[in-house]
Structure formats: structure tokens, C-alpha cells
Amino acid sequence: MILLIAVFISALAVVITRYHSRVLFIELQRLQQQRDKLNENWGQLQLELSTLAQPQRIETAAREKLLLRAPNREEIVILRGKSDDKRPN
């Protein structure tokens, strides 16, 4: 009788362990899919960043959207601080 109870408990433990294993495997697959989607998003964001950070694009946006331009030679003012006074010319 004790052997039968031990076999039953052992079988029940196997069933519970297999169920827990399946639950964990499903969670693992879900997390791997999430990781893959995040990696894909990361790649797209890196590509977008490299496109947006191109110097020519930034310069065009500065000129067209912000109406910026390079200053004329007459508009440039050089400021010298106290530490600049001690430097040799």
C-alpha cells in the first residue's frame, strides 16, 4: 500500500513538474518574441537616427525651418576673457 501511495505521489509530482515546465517554456517563447520585436525596433531607430543626424540634413533644416545662415565676416565678434589676455599673440 505504501508503495502504491509513493508511486501515486511520484506520478503527481511528474505531472506538476511537466505542467510547470510547459508554462515556463511558453513564457520563454513569449519573451523571445518580445526580444526579437525590440531588436527590430532598435535597428529601425538606429537607422532613423543615422538618417536624422546627417550633417547635410541638419544644415538644410537649420536654413529652411529655422531660417539660420552663416554669419558674414562683419557680423563675427570675438570675445576675449581674462585668461585670453595672458596668452601670447
Protein backbone atom coordinates (compact mmCIF):
# COMPACT_ATOMS: atom_id res chain seq x y z
CA MET A 1 0.00 0.00 0.00
CA ILE A 2 2.82 2.41 0.86
CA LEU A 3 4.48 1.62 -2.46
CA LEU A 4 1.25 2.47 -4.30
CA ILE A 5 0.98 5.81 -2.47
CA ALA A 6 4.63 6.57 -3.23
CA VAL A 7 4.09 5.76 -6.94
CA PHE A 8 0.97 7.95 -6.99
CA ILE A 9 2.79 10.87 -5.33
CA SER A 10 5.72 10.44 -7.70
CA ALA A 11 3.40 10.43 -10.73
CA LEU A 12 1.63 13.51 -9.43
CA ALA A 13 4.98 15.25 -8.95
CA VAL A 14 5.93 14.37 -12.56
CA VAL A 15 2.64 15.81 -13.86
CA ILE A 16 3.05 19.01 -11.84
CA THR A 17 6.68 19.37 -12.94
CA ARG A 18 5.80 18.85 -16.60
CA TYR A 19 2.97 21.38 -16.34
CA HIS A 20 5.29 23.92 -14.72
CA SER A 21 7.90 23.21 -17.39
CA ARG A 22 5.36 23.88 -20.16
CA VAL A 23 4.24 27.11 -18.54
CA LEU A 24 7.86 28.27 -18.31
CA PHE A 25 8.53 27.24 -21.92
CA ILE A 26 5.53 29.25 -23.14
CA GLU A 27 6.78 32.25 -21.15
CA LEU A 28 10.25 31.78 -22.64
CA GLN A 29 8.83 31.80 -26.17
CA ARG A 30 6.79 34.92 -25.43
CA LEU A 31 9.85 36.71 -24.06
CA GLN A 32 11.96 35.65 -27.05
CA GLN A 33 9.34 37.05 -29.42
CA GLN A 34 9.27 40.27 -27.42
CA ARG A 35 13.09 40.43 -27.57
CA ASP A 36 13.02 39.92 -31.34
CA LYS A 37 10.48 42.73 -31.78
CA LEU A 38 12.53 45.03 -29.56
CA ASN A 39 15.70 44.22 -31.52
CA GLU A 40 13.88 45.01 -34.75
CA ASN A 41 12.65 48.32 -33.30
CA TRP A 42 16.18 49.11 -32.10
CA GLY A 43 17.56 48.54 -35.59
CA GLN A 44 14.91 50.79 -37.11
CA LEU A 45 15.62 53.52 -34.55
CA GLN A 46 19.38 53.29 -35.20
CA LEU A 47 18.75 53.66 -38.94
CA GLU A 48 16.41 56.60 -38.33
CA LEU A 49 18.94 58.25 -36.03
CA SER A 50 21.74 57.91 -38.55
CA THR A 51 19.49 59.43 -41.21
CA LEU A 52 18.37 62.32 -39.00
CA ALA A 53 21.89 63.08 -37.77
CA GLN A 54 23.44 63.56 -41.22
CA PRO A 55 25.15 66.97 -41.31
CA GLN A 56 23.59 67.93 -44.63
CA ARG A 57 20.09 67.21 -43.32
CA ILE A 58 20.74 69.23 -40.16
CA GLU A 59 22.10 72.15 -42.17
CA THR A 60 19.13 72.09 -44.56
CA ALA A 61 16.68 72.01 -41.64
CA ALA A 62 18.50 74.90 -39.95
CA ARG A 63 18.30 77.02 -43.07
CA GLU A 64 14.76 76.18 -44.15
CA LYS A 65 12.89 75.69 -40.88
CA LEU A 66 14.82 77.95 -38.52
CA LEU A 67 15.94 80.46 -41.16
CA LEU A 68 19.52 80.27 -39.93
CA ARG A 69 22.51 81.26 -42.03
CA ALA A 70 26.25 81.55 -41.66
CA PRO A 71 27.29 85.00 -40.35
CA ASN A 72 29.11 87.47 -42.59
CA ARG A 73 32.69 88.36 -41.70
CA GLU A 74 31.48 91.74 -40.37
CA GLU A 75 28.96 90.03 -38.06
CA ILE A 76 31.55 87.89 -36.28
CA VAL A 77 32.64 89.22 -32.89
CA ILE A 78 35.48 87.56 -30.99
CA LEU A 79 35.24 87.87 -27.22
CA ARG A 80 38.35 87.56 -25.14
CA GLY A 81 38.26 86.63 -21.48
CA LYS A 82 40.77 87.29 -18.73
CA SER A 83 42.57 84.01 -19.41
CA ASP A 84 43.00 85.04 -23.08
CA ASP A 85 44.83 88.27 -22.04
CA LYS A 86 47.78 86.26 -20.67
CA ARG A 87 48.27 84.23 -23.85
CA PRO A 88 50.94 85.36 -26.30
CA ASN A 89 49.61 86.57 -29.64
